[in-house]
Amino acid sequence: MWILPLVGYMGAVVGFGFLTLAIASGLYYLSELVEEHTVFAKRFLVRLIQGIIGLQLVLCLVDRFPFWQTLLGIFAHVVYLGNMRRFPYVQLSDPLFLLSCALVLLDHYIWFRYFSTTQQRAYQNMSSYYDTPSNLPTFTQIASYFGICVWLVPFALFVSLSASDNVLPTMGGAGSSVGAGDGDKKRGGTMFKSIVDSVLSVSGVVGSATGLKRSDDRL
């Protein structure tokens, strides 16, 4: 067979594209909900961070998760909690925000090394090829841990936080500040929403330049 494998590759690419668009649309919708319900979003994120910290403590005490990796994860979420002091606004040059970005990558790397090393040691200690390692977490369990305890809060903060440069009012008189209130509110969206809008604007310009999209068309 020659054509069917090509059809399979094309289907995989198309399916991945639709999945990416679905995730982006969902995150865009969530960013608009956060923008409209800021107080509730802040309360929810604070409770979420506290719950994940408690979950990591339970995993360390009950399931014997490593102490230092757990301590790093708890410290990372405490730093994430520090970003809530001015929610939803964030200064991109804020040391606490930069530390949060670094801790996301470090926490992911530490736990990836831990689970990969644990699996490698478990398979090395097998006496037979048909043996099944005991107390070895499955792929679903590992993926769930990464999704909930490592990436959930950073993604939620990324969708919820607004860059300060986009929300601060312009310098001007009192009349201009009052008159521009609605415009500032409309312009001050979340970082994810601003990135999506920028990508759509760039794609529209590129489409118009290449003739794939007329300048009077709208997405």
N, C-alpha and C. Protein backbone atom coordinates (compact mmCIF):
# COMPACT_ATOMS: atom_id res chain seq x y z
N MET A 1 0.85 -1.20 0.00
CA MET A 1 0.00 0.00 0.00
C MET A 1 0.88 1.24 0.00
N TRP A 2 0.53 2.19 -0.87
CA TRP A 2 1.28 3.44 -0.98
C TRP A 2 0.42 4.65 -0.65
N ILE A 3 -0.83 4.63 -1.08
CA ILE A 3 -1.68 5.80 -0.93
C ILE A 3 -2.27 5.89 0.47
N LEU A 4 -2.68 4.75 1.05
CA LEU A 4 -3.33 4.76 2.35
C LEU A 4 -2.43 5.32 3.46
N PRO A 5 -1.13 4.96 3.51
CA PRO A 5 -0.28 5.61 4.53
C PRO A 5 -0.21 7.12 4.38
N LEU A 6 -0.19 7.61 3.12
CA LEU A 6 -0.19 9.06 2.92
C LEU A 6 -1.48 9.69 3.42
N VAL A 7 -2.61 8.98 3.17
CA VAL A 7 -3.88 9.46 3.68
C VAL A 7 -3.87 9.50 5.21
N GLY A 8 -3.23 8.50 5.83
CA GLY A 8 -3.13 8.47 7.28
C GLY A 8 -2.32 9.64 7.82
N TYR A 9 -1.19 9.97 7.16
CA TYR A 9 -0.38 11.12 7.57
C TYR A 9 -1.16 12.43 7.41
N MET A 10 -1.88 12.55 6.28
CA MET A 10 -2.67 13.75 6.07
C MET A 10 -3.76 13.89 7.12
N GLY A 11 -4.39 12.77 7.45
CA GLY A 11 -5.42 12.82 8.49
C GLY A 11 -4.86 13.20 9.85
N ALA A 12 -3.66 12.71 10.16
CA ALA A 12 -3.04 13.07 11.43
C ALA A 12 -2.72 14.55 11.49
N VAL A 13 -2.22 15.12 10.38
CA VAL A 13 -1.91 16.54 10.34
C VAL A 13 -3.18 17.38 10.48
N VAL A 14 -4.23 16.99 9.75
CA VAL A 14 -5.49 17.73 9.82
C VAL A 14 -6.10 17.61 11.23
N GLY A 15 -6.05 16.41 11.80
CA GLY A 15 -6.58 16.23 13.15
C GLY A 15 -5.81 17.05 14.18
N PHE A 16 -4.49 17.09 14.05
CA PHE A 16 -3.69 17.90 14.96
C PHE A 16 -4.02 19.39 14.81
N GLY A 17 -4.26 19.82 13.56
CA GLY A 17 -4.63 21.21 13.35
C GLY A 17 -5.96 21.57 13.99
N PHE A 18 -6.95 20.69 13.82
CA PHE A 18 -8.25 20.94 14.44
C PHE A 18 -8.15 20.91 15.96
N LEU A 19 -7.34 20.00 16.50
CA LEU A 19 -7.17 19.94 17.95
C LEU A 19 -6.52 21.21 18.48
N THR A 20 -5.51 21.71 17.75
CA THR A 20 -4.86 22.95 18.17
C THR A 20 -5.82 24.12 18.14
N LEU A 21 -6.63 24.22 17.08
CA LEU A 21 -7.61 25.29 16.99
C LEU A 21 -8.66 25.19 18.09
N ALA A 22 -9.06 23.95 18.43
CA ALA A 22 -10.06 23.77 19.49
C ALA A 22 -9.50 24.22 20.85
N ILE A 23 -8.25 23.85 21.12
CA ILE A 23 -7.64 24.26 22.39
C ILE A 23 -7.47 25.77 22.44
N ALA A 24 -7.01 26.36 21.33
CA ALA A 24 -6.84 27.82 21.30
C ALA A 24 -8.18 28.54 21.47
N SER A 25 -9.22 28.03 20.85
CA SER A 25 -10.54 28.66 20.99
C SER A 25 -11.05 28.55 22.42
N GLY A 26 -10.83 27.38 23.04
CA GLY A 26 -11.24 27.23 24.43
C GLY A 26 -10.50 28.16 25.37
N LEU A 27 -9.18 28.29 25.17
CA LEU A 27 -8.40 29.19 26.02
C LEU A 27 -8.80 30.64 25.78
N TYR A 28 -9.11 30.98 24.54
CA TYR A 28 -9.55 32.35 24.24
C TYR A 28 -10.87 32.65 24.94
N TYR A 29 -11.76 31.69 24.94
CA TYR A 29 -13.05 31.88 25.62
C TYR A 29 -12.84 32.01 27.13
N LEU A 30 -11.95 31.19 27.69
CA LEU A 30 -11.66 31.28 29.12
C LEU A 30 -11.04 32.63 29.48
N SER A 31 -10.17 33.14 28.60
CA SER A 31 -9.56 34.45 28.87
C SER A 31 -10.61 35.55 28.90
N GLU A 32 -11.64 35.45 28.05
CA GLU A 32 -12.72 36.43 28.09
C GLU A 32 -13.55 36.30 29.36
N LEU A 33 -13.77 35.07 29.81
CA LEU A 33 -14.50 34.88 31.06
C LEU A 33 -13.73 35.46 32.24
N VAL A 34 -12.41 35.24 32.25
CA VAL A 34 -11.59 35.80 33.33
C VAL A 34 -11.62 37.31 33.29
N GLU A 35 -11.59 37.88 32.08
CA GLU A 35 -11.62 39.33 31.95
C GLU A 35 -12.92 39.92 32.48
N GLU A 36 -14.03 39.18 32.36
CA GLU A 36 -15.31 39.67 32.83
C GLU A 36 -15.55 39.38 34.31
N HIS A 37 -14.94 38.32 34.84
CA HIS A 37 -15.15 37.91 36.24
C HIS A 37 -13.80 37.82 36.94
N THR A 38 -13.17 38.97 37.14
CA THR A 38 -11.81 38.99 37.69
C THR A 38 -11.78 38.54 39.14
N VAL A 39 -12.72 38.99 39.93
CA VAL A 39 -12.73 38.66 41.36
C VAL A 39 -12.91 37.15 41.57
N PHE A 40 -13.86 36.58 40.86
CA PHE A 40 -14.07 35.14 40.98
C PHE A 40 -12.86 34.36 40.48
N ALA A 41 -12.24 34.83 39.39
CA ALA A 41 -11.07 34.14 38.85
C ALA A 41 -9.91 34.17 39.85
N LYS A 42 -9.71 35.31 40.50
CA LYS A 42 -8.64 35.39 41.49
C LYS A 42 -8.89 34.46 42.66
N ARG A 43 -10.12 34.42 43.15
CA ARG A 43 -10.45 33.53 44.26
C ARG A 43 -10.27 32.08 43.86
N PHE A 44 -10.68 31.74 42.64
CA PHE A 44 -10.54 30.36 42.17
C PHE A 44 -9.08 29.96 42.03
N LEU A 45 -8.24 30.85 41.48
CA LEU A 45 -6.83 30.53 41.31
C LEU A 45 -6.12 30.38 42.64
N VAL A 46 -6.46 31.22 43.60
CA VAL A 46 -5.85 31.09 44.93
C VAL A 46 -6.23 29.75 45.56
N ARG A 47 -7.48 29.38 45.48
CA ARG A 47 -7.92 28.08 46.03
C ARG A 47 -7.27 26.94 45.27
N LEU A 48 -7.10 27.09 43.96
CA LEU A 48 -6.48 26.05 43.15
C LEU A 48 -5.02 25.84 43.57
N ILE A 49 -4.29 26.93 43.76
CA ILE A 49 -2.89 26.81 44.18
C ILE A 49 -2.79 26.17 45.55
N GLN A 50 -3.64 26.58 46.47
CA GLN A 50 -3.63 25.99 47.81
C GLN A 50 -3.97 24.50 47.77
N GLY A 51 -4.93 24.14 46.91
CA GLY A 51 -5.29 22.73 46.79
C GLY A 51 -4.17 21.88 46.22
N ILE A 52 -3.45 22.41 45.23
CA ILE A 52 -2.34 21.65 44.64
C ILE A 52 -1.20 21.51 45.64
N ILE A 53 -0.94 22.54 46.43
CA ILE A 53 0.09 22.42 47.48
C ILE A 53 -0.30 21.33 48.47
N GLY A 54 -1.57 21.29 48.88
CA GLY A 54 -2.03 20.23 49.77
C GLY A 54 -1.93 18.85 49.13
N LEU A 55 -2.24 18.75 47.83
CA LEU A 55 -2.13 17.48 47.12
C LEU A 55 -0.69 17.00 47.07
N GLN A 56 0.25 17.90 46.85
CA GLN A 56 1.66 17.51 46.82
C GLN A 56 2.13 17.04 48.19
N LEU A 57 1.65 17.65 49.26
CA LEU A 57 2.01 17.19 50.60
C LEU A 57 1.45 15.80 50.86
N VAL A 58 0.22 15.55 50.43
CA VAL A 58 -0.38 14.22 50.62
C VAL A 58 0.39 13.17 49.82
N LEU A 59 0.77 13.49 48.58
CA LEU A 59 1.54 12.54 47.78
C LEU A 59 2.89 12.24 48.42
N CYS A 60 3.49 13.24 49.03
CA CYS A 60 4.79 13.02 49.68
C CYS A 60 4.65 12.15 50.93
N LEU A 61 3.58 12.36 51.70
CA LEU A 61 3.42 11.63 52.95
C LEU A 61 2.84 10.23 52.74
N VAL A 62 1.91 10.08 51.81
CA VAL A 62 1.22 8.81 51.64
C VAL A 62 1.90 7.94 50.58
N ASP A 63 2.17 8.50 49.41
CA ASP A 63 2.74 7.73 48.32
C ASP A 63 4.27 7.79 48.26
N ARG A 64 4.87 8.37 49.27
CA ARG A 64 6.34 8.43 49.38
C ARG A 64 7.00 9.13 48.19
N PHE A 65 6.41 10.21 47.73
CA PHE A 65 7.07 10.99 46.69
C PHE A 65 8.33 11.64 47.25
N PRO A 66 9.34 11.89 46.42
CA PRO A 66 10.61 12.42 46.92
C PRO A 66 10.42 13.78 47.60
N PHE A 67 11.16 13.97 48.68
CA PHE A 67 10.98 15.16 49.50
C PHE A 67 11.43 16.43 48.79
N TRP A 68 12.65 16.40 48.20
CA TRP A 68 13.21 17.61 47.63
C TRP A 68 12.46 18.05 46.38
N GLN A 69 12.04 17.09 45.55
CA GLN A 69 11.24 17.45 44.39
C GLN A 69 9.88 18.03 44.80
N THR A 70 9.29 17.42 45.85
CA THR A 70 8.03 17.94 46.35
C THR A 70 8.20 19.34 46.93
N LEU A 71 9.31 19.55 47.63
CA LEU A 71 9.58 20.88 48.19
C LEU A 71 9.75 21.92 47.09
N LEU A 72 10.40 21.53 45.99
CA LEU A 72 10.54 22.44 44.86
C LEU A 72 9.19 22.77 44.25
N GLY A 73 8.33 21.76 44.10
CA GLY A 73 7.00 22.00 43.56
C GLY A 73 6.17 22.93 44.44
N ILE A 74 6.27 22.72 45.77
CA ILE A 74 5.53 23.59 46.69
C ILE A 74 6.08 25.02 46.62
N PHE A 75 7.40 25.15 46.57
CA PHE A 75 8.01 26.48 46.47
C PHE A 75 7.58 27.18 45.18
N ALA A 76 7.50 26.42 44.08
CA ALA A 76 7.07 27.01 42.82
C ALA A 76 5.64 27.54 42.93
N HIS A 77 4.76 26.79 43.57
CA HIS A 77 3.37 27.24 43.68
C HIS A 77 3.24 28.40 44.67
N VAL A 78 4.11 28.46 45.65
CA VAL A 78 4.11 29.64 46.53
C VAL A 78 4.51 30.88 45.74
N VAL A 79 5.48 30.73 44.83
CA VAL A 79 5.87 31.85 43.97
C VAL A 79 4.72 32.22 43.04
N TYR A 80 4.02 31.21 42.49
CA TYR A 80 2.85 31.50 41.66
C TYR A 80 1.82 32.29 42.47
N LEU A 81 1.66 31.92 43.73
CA LEU A 81 0.71 32.62 44.59
C LEU A 81 1.10 34.08 44.79
N GLY A 82 2.41 34.36 44.76
CA GLY A 82 2.86 35.74 44.90
C GLY A 82 2.45 36.61 43.73
N ASN A 83 2.24 36.00 42.55
CA ASN A 83 1.79 36.77 41.39
C ASN A 83 0.34 37.22 41.52
N MET A 84 -0.38 36.69 42.51
CA MET A 84 -1.77 37.05 42.68
C MET A 84 -1.95 38.36 43.43
N ARG A 85 -0.88 38.95 43.92
CA ARG A 85 -1.01 40.16 44.74
C ARG A 85 -1.55 41.33 43.94
N ARG A 86 -1.28 41.37 42.63
CA ARG A 86 -1.79 42.44 41.76
C ARG A 86 -2.62 41.87 40.61
N PHE A 87 -3.23 40.74 40.85
CA PHE A 87 -4.02 40.08 39.82
C PHE A 87 -5.14 41.01 39.34
N PRO A 88 -5.43 41.07 38.02
CA PRO A 88 -4.85 40.28 36.93
C PRO A 88 -3.68 40.97 36.24
N TYR A 89 -3.16 42.05 36.80
CA TYR A 89 -2.10 42.80 36.14
C TYR A 89 -0.75 42.21 36.52
N VAL A 90 0.17 42.22 35.59
CA VAL A 90 1.51 41.70 35.83
C VAL A 90 2.50 42.56 35.07
N GLN A 91 3.62 42.83 35.70
CA GLN A 91 4.71 43.53 35.03
C GLN A 91 5.66 42.47 34.48
N LEU A 92 5.86 42.47 33.17
CA LEU A 92 6.66 41.42 32.54
C LEU A 92 8.10 41.43 33.02
N SER A 93 8.57 42.55 33.53
CA SER A 93 9.93 42.63 34.06
C SER A 93 9.98 42.40 35.57
N ASP A 94 8.87 42.02 36.18
CA ASP A 94 8.83 41.76 37.61
C ASP A 94 9.68 40.53 37.93
N PRO A 95 10.62 40.64 38.90
CA PRO A 95 11.47 39.46 39.23
C PRO A 95 10.65 38.25 39.66
N LEU A 96 9.52 38.47 40.34
CA LEU A 96 8.69 37.34 40.76
C LEU A 96 8.08 36.64 39.56
N PHE A 97 7.67 37.40 38.56
CA PHE A 97 7.12 36.80 37.34
C PHE A 97 8.20 36.04 36.58
N LEU A 98 9.39 36.62 36.47
CA LEU A 98 10.49 35.94 35.79
C LEU A 98 10.89 34.67 36.53
N LEU A 99 10.88 34.74 37.87
CA LEU A 99 11.19 33.53 38.66
C LEU A 99 10.13 32.47 38.44
N SER A 100 8.89 32.86 38.30
CA SER A 100 7.82 31.89 38.04
C SER A 100 8.04 31.18 36.70
N CYS A 101 8.45 31.94 35.68
CA CYS A 101 8.71 31.33 34.37
C CYS A 101 9.86 30.33 34.45
N ALA A 102 10.90 30.66 35.22
CA ALA A 102 12.02 29.74 35.36
C ALA A 102 11.62 28.50 36.15
N LEU A 103 10.80 28.67 37.18
CA LEU A 103 10.39 27.54 38.01
C LEU A 103 9.49 26.58 37.25
N VAL A 104 8.72 27.07 36.31
CA VAL A 104 7.89 26.18 35.50
C VAL A 104 8.76 25.17 34.75
N LEU A 105 9.79 25.67 34.11
CA LEU A 105 10.69 24.78 33.35
C LEU A 105 11.49 23.88 34.27
N LEU A 106 11.99 24.43 35.38
CA LEU A 106 12.78 23.63 36.31
C LEU A 106 11.94 22.54 36.95
N ASP A 107 10.73 22.86 37.36
CA ASP A 107 9.85 21.87 37.98
C ASP A 107 9.51 20.75 37.00
N HIS A 108 9.24 21.12 35.74
CA HIS A 108 8.97 20.10 34.73
C HIS A 108 10.18 19.20 34.53
N TYR A 109 11.38 19.77 34.45
CA TYR A 109 12.57 18.98 34.22
C TYR A 109 12.86 18.03 35.39
N ILE A 110 12.69 18.53 36.61
CA ILE A 110 12.97 17.71 37.79
C ILE A 110 12.04 16.51 37.87
N TRP A 111 10.75 16.74 37.66
CA TRP A 111 9.81 15.63 37.74
C TRP A 111 9.92 14.69 36.55
N PHE A 112 10.27 15.21 35.39
CA PHE A 112 10.50 14.33 34.24
C PHE A 112 11.69 13.40 34.50
N ARG A 113 12.76 13.95 35.07
CA ARG A 113 13.91 13.12 35.41
C ARG A 113 13.55 12.09 36.47
N TYR A 114 12.73 12.48 37.43
CA TYR A 114 12.36 11.54 38.49
C TYR A 114 11.56 10.37 37.95
N PHE A 115 10.53 10.64 37.16
CA PHE A 115 9.70 9.54 36.65
C PHE A 115 10.46 8.68 35.65
N SER A 116 11.27 9.29 34.81
CA SER A 116 12.04 8.50 33.84
C SER A 116 13.07 7.62 34.56
N THR A 117 13.72 8.15 35.58
CA THR A 117 14.69 7.35 36.35
C THR A 117 13.99 6.23 37.10
N THR A 118 12.81 6.51 37.65
CA THR A 118 12.06 5.48 38.38
C THR A 118 11.67 4.34 37.45
N GLN A 119 11.19 4.66 36.26
CA GLN A 119 10.83 3.61 35.32
C GLN A 119 12.05 2.82 34.86
N GLN A 120 13.15 3.50 34.62
CA GLN A 120 14.35 2.81 34.17
C GLN A 120 14.86 1.84 35.22
N ARG A 121 14.86 2.25 36.48
CA ARG A 121 15.32 1.36 37.55
C ARG A 121 14.38 0.18 37.73
N ALA A 122 13.08 0.43 37.59
CA ALA A 122 12.11 -0.65 37.77
C ALA A 122 12.28 -1.72 36.70
N TYR A 123 12.51 -1.32 35.46
CA TYR A 123 12.69 -2.30 34.39
C TYR A 123 14.05 -2.99 34.46
N GLN A 124 15.05 -2.31 35.00
CA GLN A 124 16.35 -2.94 35.15
C GLN A 124 16.34 -4.03 36.21
N ASN A 125 15.49 -3.88 37.23
CA ASN A 125 15.42 -4.86 38.32
C ASN A 125 14.52 -6.04 38.00
N MET A 126 13.94 -6.10 36.82
CA MET A 126 13.08 -7.21 36.44
C MET A 126 13.94 -8.45 36.19
N SER A 127 13.53 -9.55 36.78
CA SER A 127 14.25 -10.81 36.58
C SER A 127 13.83 -11.53 35.32
N SER A 128 12.65 -11.19 34.80
CA SER A 128 12.15 -11.84 33.59
C SER A 128 11.48 -10.79 32.71
N TYR A 129 11.47 -11.07 31.43
CA TYR A 129 10.85 -10.15 30.48
C TYR A 129 9.36 -10.04 30.69
N TYR A 130 8.75 -11.09 31.24
CA TYR A 130 7.30 -11.11 31.42
C TYR A 130 6.88 -10.57 32.78
N ASP A 131 7.82 -10.16 33.62
CA ASP A 131 7.47 -9.59 34.91
C ASP A 131 6.88 -8.19 34.74
N THR A 132 6.07 -7.82 35.69
CA THR A 132 5.48 -6.47 35.72
C THR A 132 6.01 -5.73 36.93
N PRO A 133 6.65 -4.60 36.76
CA PRO A 133 7.16 -3.86 37.92
C PRO A 133 6.04 -3.44 38.85
N SER A 134 6.29 -3.58 40.14
CA SER A 134 5.29 -3.22 41.14
C SER A 134 5.42 -1.75 41.52
N ASN A 135 4.30 -1.14 41.85
CA ASN A 135 4.25 0.26 42.29
C ASN A 135 4.87 1.22 41.27
N LEU A 136 4.71 0.88 40.00
CA LEU A 136 5.23 1.74 38.94
C LEU A 136 4.08 2.55 38.37
N PRO A 137 4.16 3.88 38.41
CA PRO A 137 3.04 4.70 37.89
C PRO A 137 2.86 4.50 36.40
N THR A 138 1.62 4.48 35.97
CA THR A 138 1.30 4.32 34.56
C THR A 138 1.46 5.66 33.84
N PHE A 139 1.37 5.59 32.51
CA PHE A 139 1.47 6.82 31.71
C PHE A 139 0.34 7.79 32.04
N THR A 140 -0.87 7.25 32.26
CA THR A 140 -1.99 8.12 32.60
C THR A 140 -1.76 8.83 33.92
N GLN A 141 -1.22 8.12 34.90
CA GLN A 141 -0.95 8.73 36.21
C GLN A 141 0.13 9.80 36.12
N ILE A 142 1.18 9.51 35.34
CA ILE A 142 2.26 10.50 35.19
C ILE A 142 1.75 11.73 34.45
N ALA A 143 1.00 11.51 33.37
CA ALA A 143 0.46 12.64 32.61
C ALA A 143 -0.50 13.46 33.46
N SER A 144 -1.30 12.78 34.29
CA SER A 144 -2.22 13.51 35.16
C SER A 144 -1.46 14.34 36.19
N TYR A 145 -0.38 13.79 36.72
CA TYR A 145 0.41 14.55 37.69
C TYR A 145 1.01 15.80 37.04
N PHE A 146 1.57 15.63 35.85
CA PHE A 146 2.14 16.79 35.16
C PHE A 146 1.05 17.82 34.84
N GLY A 147 -0.11 17.33 34.40
CA GLY A 147 -1.17 18.26 34.03
C GLY A 147 -1.72 19.04 35.21
N ILE A 148 -1.85 18.38 36.38
CA ILE A 148 -2.46 19.03 37.54
C ILE A 148 -1.43 19.74 38.41
N CYS A 149 -0.35 19.05 38.74
CA CYS A 149 0.59 19.58 39.73
C CYS A 149 1.74 20.38 39.13
N VAL A 150 1.93 20.34 37.83
CA VAL A 150 3.06 21.06 37.24
C VAL A 150 2.59 22.16 36.31
N TRP A 151 1.64 21.85 35.39
CA TRP A 151 1.30 22.79 34.32
C TRP A 151 -0.03 23.49 34.48
N LEU A 152 -0.91 23.03 35.36
CA LEU A 152 -2.25 23.61 35.44
C LEU A 152 -2.21 25.06 35.90
N VAL A 153 -1.52 25.35 36.98
CA VAL A 153 -1.47 26.73 37.49
C VAL A 153 -0.73 27.67 36.54
N PRO A 154 0.44 27.30 35.98
CA PRO A 154 1.08 28.21 35.02
C PRO A 154 0.21 28.52 33.81
N PHE A 155 -0.49 27.53 33.26
CA PHE A 155 -1.37 27.79 32.14
C PHE A 155 -2.54 28.68 32.55
N ALA A 156 -3.09 28.44 33.76
CA ALA A 156 -4.19 29.27 34.23
C ALA A 156 -3.74 30.71 34.42
N LEU A 157 -2.53 30.91 34.95
CA LEU A 157 -2.01 32.26 35.12
C LEU A 157 -1.74 32.91 33.76
N PHE A 158 -1.23 32.13 32.81
CA PHE A 158 -0.96 32.67 31.48
C PHE A 158 -2.24 33.13 30.81
N VAL A 159 -3.31 32.38 30.98
CA VAL A 159 -4.58 32.76 30.38
C VAL A 159 -5.21 33.94 31.11
N SER A 160 -4.97 34.06 32.42
CA SER A 160 -5.68 35.04 33.24
C SER A 160 -4.97 36.38 33.35
N LEU A 161 -3.63 36.38 33.41
CA LEU A 161 -2.91 37.61 33.69
C LEU A 161 -2.96 38.56 32.51
N SER A 162 -2.94 39.84 32.81
CA SER A 162 -2.91 40.89 31.81
C SER A 162 -1.60 41.64 31.93
N ALA A 163 -0.97 41.91 30.80
CA ALA A 163 0.26 42.68 30.81
C ALA A 163 -0.04 44.12 31.17
N SER A 164 0.78 44.70 32.04
CA SER A 164 0.52 46.05 32.53
C SER A 164 0.57 47.08 31.42
N ASP A 165 1.41 46.87 30.42
CA ASP A 165 1.51 47.82 29.32
C ASP A 165 0.21 47.93 28.53
N ASN A 166 -0.62 46.89 28.60
CA ASN A 166 -1.86 46.91 27.84
C ASN A 166 -3.04 47.49 28.62
N VAL A 167 -2.92 47.63 29.95
CA VAL A 167 -4.06 48.03 30.74
C VAL A 167 -3.86 49.37 31.41
N LEU A 168 -2.65 49.88 31.49
CA LEU A 168 -2.45 51.16 32.13
C LEU A 168 -3.00 52.26 31.25
N PRO A 169 -3.70 53.27 31.83
CA PRO A 169 -4.23 54.37 31.02
C PRO A 169 -3.12 55.25 30.52
N THR A 170 -3.38 55.97 29.44
CA THR A 170 -2.38 56.85 28.86
C THR A 170 -2.28 58.11 29.68
N MET A 171 -1.13 58.79 29.59
CA MET A 171 -0.92 60.03 30.30
C MET A 171 -1.73 61.13 29.64
N GLY A 172 -2.50 61.84 30.42
CA GLY A 172 -3.32 62.90 29.87
C GLY A 172 -4.11 63.57 30.95
N GLY A 173 -4.99 64.47 30.57
CA GLY A 173 -5.78 65.18 31.54
C GLY A 173 -6.89 64.33 32.09
N ALA A 174 -7.63 64.97 33.04
CA ALA A 174 -8.71 64.23 33.69
C ALA A 174 -9.82 63.92 32.69
N GLY A 175 -10.09 64.89 31.80
CA GLY A 175 -11.17 64.65 30.83
C GLY A 175 -10.85 63.51 29.91
N SER A 176 -9.58 63.44 29.45
CA SER A 176 -9.22 62.36 28.54
C SER A 176 -9.22 61.02 29.23
N SER A 177 -8.89 61.01 30.55
CA SER A 177 -8.89 59.74 31.28
C SER A 177 -10.30 59.21 31.43
N VAL A 178 -11.24 60.14 31.72
CA VAL A 178 -12.61 59.68 31.89
C VAL A 178 -13.21 59.26 30.56
N GLY A 179 -12.91 60.01 29.52
CA GLY A 179 -13.47 59.68 28.22
C GLY A 179 -12.92 58.43 27.63
N ALA A 180 -11.68 58.09 28.00
CA ALA A 180 -11.03 56.91 27.42
C ALA A 180 -11.21 55.69 28.27
N GLY A 181 -12.08 55.74 29.26
CA GLY A 181 -12.23 54.59 30.16
C GLY A 181 -12.70 53.36 29.44
N ASP A 182 -13.72 53.52 28.60
CA ASP A 182 -14.24 52.35 27.88
C ASP A 182 -13.22 51.81 26.91
N GLY A 183 -12.46 52.69 26.27
CA GLY A 183 -11.46 52.22 25.32
C GLY A 183 -10.34 51.47 25.99
N ASP A 184 -9.93 51.95 27.20
CA ASP A 184 -8.87 51.25 27.92
C ASP A 184 -9.35 49.89 28.38
N LYS A 185 -10.61 49.83 28.80
CA LYS A 185 -11.14 48.54 29.24
C LYS A 185 -11.20 47.57 28.09
N LYS A 186 -11.55 48.08 26.92
CA LYS A 186 -11.64 47.19 25.76
C LYS A 186 -10.26 46.75 25.29
N ARG A 187 -9.27 47.67 25.42
CA ARG A 187 -7.93 47.35 24.93
C ARG A 187 -7.17 46.46 25.90
N GLY A 188 -7.53 46.54 27.19
CA GLY A 188 -6.74 45.83 28.19
C GLY A 188 -7.19 44.40 28.35
N GLY A 189 -6.85 43.54 27.46
CA GLY A 189 -7.20 42.14 27.57
C GLY A 189 -6.09 41.34 28.21
N THR A 190 -6.31 40.04 28.33
CA THR A 190 -5.30 39.17 28.90
C THR A 190 -4.15 38.97 27.93
N MET A 191 -3.04 38.44 28.45
CA MET A 191 -1.87 38.23 27.60
C MET A 191 -2.17 37.23 26.49
N PHE A 192 -2.86 36.14 26.83
CA PHE A 192 -3.19 35.15 25.81
C PHE A 192 -4.08 35.74 24.73
N LYS A 193 -5.07 36.51 25.15
CA LYS A 193 -5.97 37.14 24.19
C LYS A 193 -5.21 38.12 23.30
N SER A 194 -4.28 38.88 23.89
CA SER A 194 -3.49 39.83 23.11
C SER A 194 -2.61 39.11 22.09
N ILE A 195 -2.03 37.96 22.50
CA ILE A 195 -1.19 37.19 21.59
C ILE A 195 -2.01 36.65 20.42
N VAL A 196 -3.21 36.12 20.73
CA VAL A 196 -4.07 35.58 19.66
C VAL A 196 -4.48 36.69 18.70
N ASP A 197 -4.85 37.86 19.25
CA ASP A 197 -5.24 38.97 18.39
C ASP A 197 -4.07 39.43 17.51
N SER A 198 -2.85 39.42 18.08
CA SER A 198 -1.69 39.81 17.29
C SER A 198 -1.42 38.82 16.16
N VAL A 199 -1.56 37.52 16.48
CA VAL A 199 -1.35 36.49 15.45
C VAL A 199 -2.38 36.63 14.34
N LEU A 200 -3.64 36.89 14.71
CA LEU A 200 -4.68 37.06 13.70
C LEU A 200 -4.42 38.30 12.84
N SER A 201 -3.92 39.37 13.47
CA SER A 201 -3.62 40.58 12.71
C SER A 201 -2.48 40.34 11.73
N VAL A 202 -1.43 39.65 12.20
CA VAL A 202 -0.29 39.35 11.32
C VAL A 202 -0.71 38.44 10.18
N SER A 203 -1.53 37.43 10.49
CA SER A 203 -1.98 36.53 9.43
C SER A 203 -2.84 37.27 8.41
N GLY A 204 -3.64 38.25 8.89
CA GLY A 204 -4.42 39.04 7.95
C GLY A 204 -3.56 39.89 7.04
N VAL A 205 -2.50 40.48 7.61
CA VAL A 205 -1.59 41.29 6.79
C VAL A 205 -0.86 40.42 5.78
N VAL A 206 -0.38 39.25 6.22
CA VAL A 206 0.32 38.35 5.31
C VAL A 206 -0.63 37.85 4.21
N GLY A 207 -1.87 37.54 4.59
CA GLY A 207 -2.83 37.08 3.60
C GLY A 207 -3.15 38.15 2.57
N SER A 208 -3.24 39.40 3.04
CA SER A 208 -3.50 40.49 2.10
C SER A 208 -2.31 40.74 1.18
N ALA A 209 -1.10 40.61 1.72
CA ALA A 209 0.10 40.85 0.91
C ALA A 209 0.29 39.76 -0.14
N THR A 210 -0.08 38.54 0.19
CA THR A 210 0.11 37.43 -0.75
C THR A 210 -1.08 37.21 -1.66
N GLY A 211 -2.17 37.97 -1.44
CA GLY A 211 -3.35 37.82 -2.27
C GLY A 211 -4.28 36.70 -1.85
N LEU A 212 -3.97 36.02 -0.75
CA LEU A 212 -4.84 34.95 -0.27
C LEU A 212 -6.06 35.50 0.44
N LYS A 213 -5.98 36.75 0.87
CA LYS A 213 -7.08 37.35 1.61
C LYS A 213 -7.20 38.81 1.19
N ARG A 214 -8.41 39.24 0.85
CA ARG A 214 -8.61 40.62 0.48
C ARG A 214 -8.58 41.51 1.72
N SER A 215 -8.15 42.73 1.55
CA SER A 215 -7.99 43.64 2.68
C SER A 215 -9.30 43.97 3.37
N ASP A 216 -10.45 43.87 2.66
CA ASP A 216 -11.73 44.19 3.27
C ASP A 216 -12.37 42.99 3.91
N ASP A 217 -11.72 41.80 3.84
CA ASP A 217 -12.27 40.60 4.50
C ASP A 217 -12.00 40.67 5.98
N ARG A 218 -12.82 40.04 6.74
CA ARG A 218 -12.65 39.96 8.18
C ARG A 218 -12.62 38.52 8.59
N LEU A 219 -11.82 38.22 9.67
CA LEU A 219 -11.75 36.85 10.16
C LEU A 219 -13.00 36.54 10.95
